[in-house]
Amino acid sequence: MNIRLHANATTTPKKRAYIQSSSLPNRVLSAELGVTVDTIRRWKNRTDTQDRSHTPHHLPTTLTPEQEVVAVEVRRLFLLPLDDLLVVIREFLNPLVSRSGLDRCLRRHGVSRLRDLIPQPEGEKREVKTFKDYEPGYVHVDYKYLPQMPDESSRRYLFVAIDRASRWVYLELHDDKSANAAKGFLKRLVAKAPFKIVKLLTDNDKAFTDRFTAGGERKPTGEHLFDLECARHSIEHRLIKPRTPQTNGMVERFNGRIAEILATTRFDSRADLSVTLTRYAWLYNQQIPQKALRHQTPIATLKGWQKSHPHLFNKIVRNHPGPDSYTFYQILLNLQTNHTLH
């Protein structure tokens, strides 16, 4: 039988068994075996003779219980990898938290595996393909249905644009998903984007193209409002192949993040939903580092691109004002409270 003894053990299993069976006083056994009285007491109070783990039952942590709640909610809502989450927690909650301490916190609360937090589609798994390296200016666009709020008479739609190279995001809420709404969204997107939009990818929805008619598939006429707006800004409008939404997967994945927020947060009004989505877009661009961007934020990534490729940009990339650390902390607490109520 293999016996593992601690390197600093002063007794063997045979001596420990002798201590447990002896009726001699503790001081007599201590003098006889050359160990302390505390050692004698410890083995007399045990029923086995094997070494136990020396890991403390309660490991020290710098996170308060309230901060742990916030860290767990950030993990669930934003699906950040451990290293990215560590940057956010150190910036806004606790600058002294260690990577191992944060990892133990996630394990205690059952959110240590990102795969378990991401809904997995049913059916046959497709091979995951990565995008090629692109410069800023190749933008994916789509829209998403939003839930109807208590003070609304109809549902609204979230138009989303995301840059392939930097993951920079721009979004707007609209009352409809018409071609006019898509045209207006593109016009403001061009004005807001710090880089020159060269290519734009959408699906074949009638808000973006007239590619399909009742007669079947055909080429776009170029007369659709969205196409005309693209031409006005010298943007190449590309369409995905029919029945291949994964081609526009980058914006689909961002919409998945939005869906997670919608599913886990309680909204009381139209304004409440609008403010939450606007805050999230700001946090996503300005504060949340991403593993795909080498643990940088989209804005930091754009700044790097502008320094090395200034010709791609039409304005200076800036950090826009947003919540300070205390306000951000309160936002996360509110998200956690809403999640609990929901």
Foldseek 3Di string as FASTA:
>chain_A
DDADDDPPDLDALVLLVVLLPDPDDLVVSCVVSVHDSVVSVVSVPDDGSHDDDPDDPDDDFPDDPLLLLLLLLCCLLVVAQLVLSLQQCCQQPNVPGDSVRNLVSCVVVVNNDSVVSADDDDDDDDDDDDDDADAWQEKEKDKAWDDDAPPDPDTWMKIWIATPHLRQIDIDIGRDLALVVLLVVVVVVCVPDQFQHAEYEYEDDNSAFPQDDPVGGDHTPCPRSNSVSCVVSNHHYHYDDPPCCCVSVSVVVVVSSVVSLSVQFDANDPVRNVVVVVQVSLCQQAPGAHVVLVRHGSLVSVQVSCVVPVVRGDHHRDNDDDDHSVVVSVVSVNSSVRSVVD
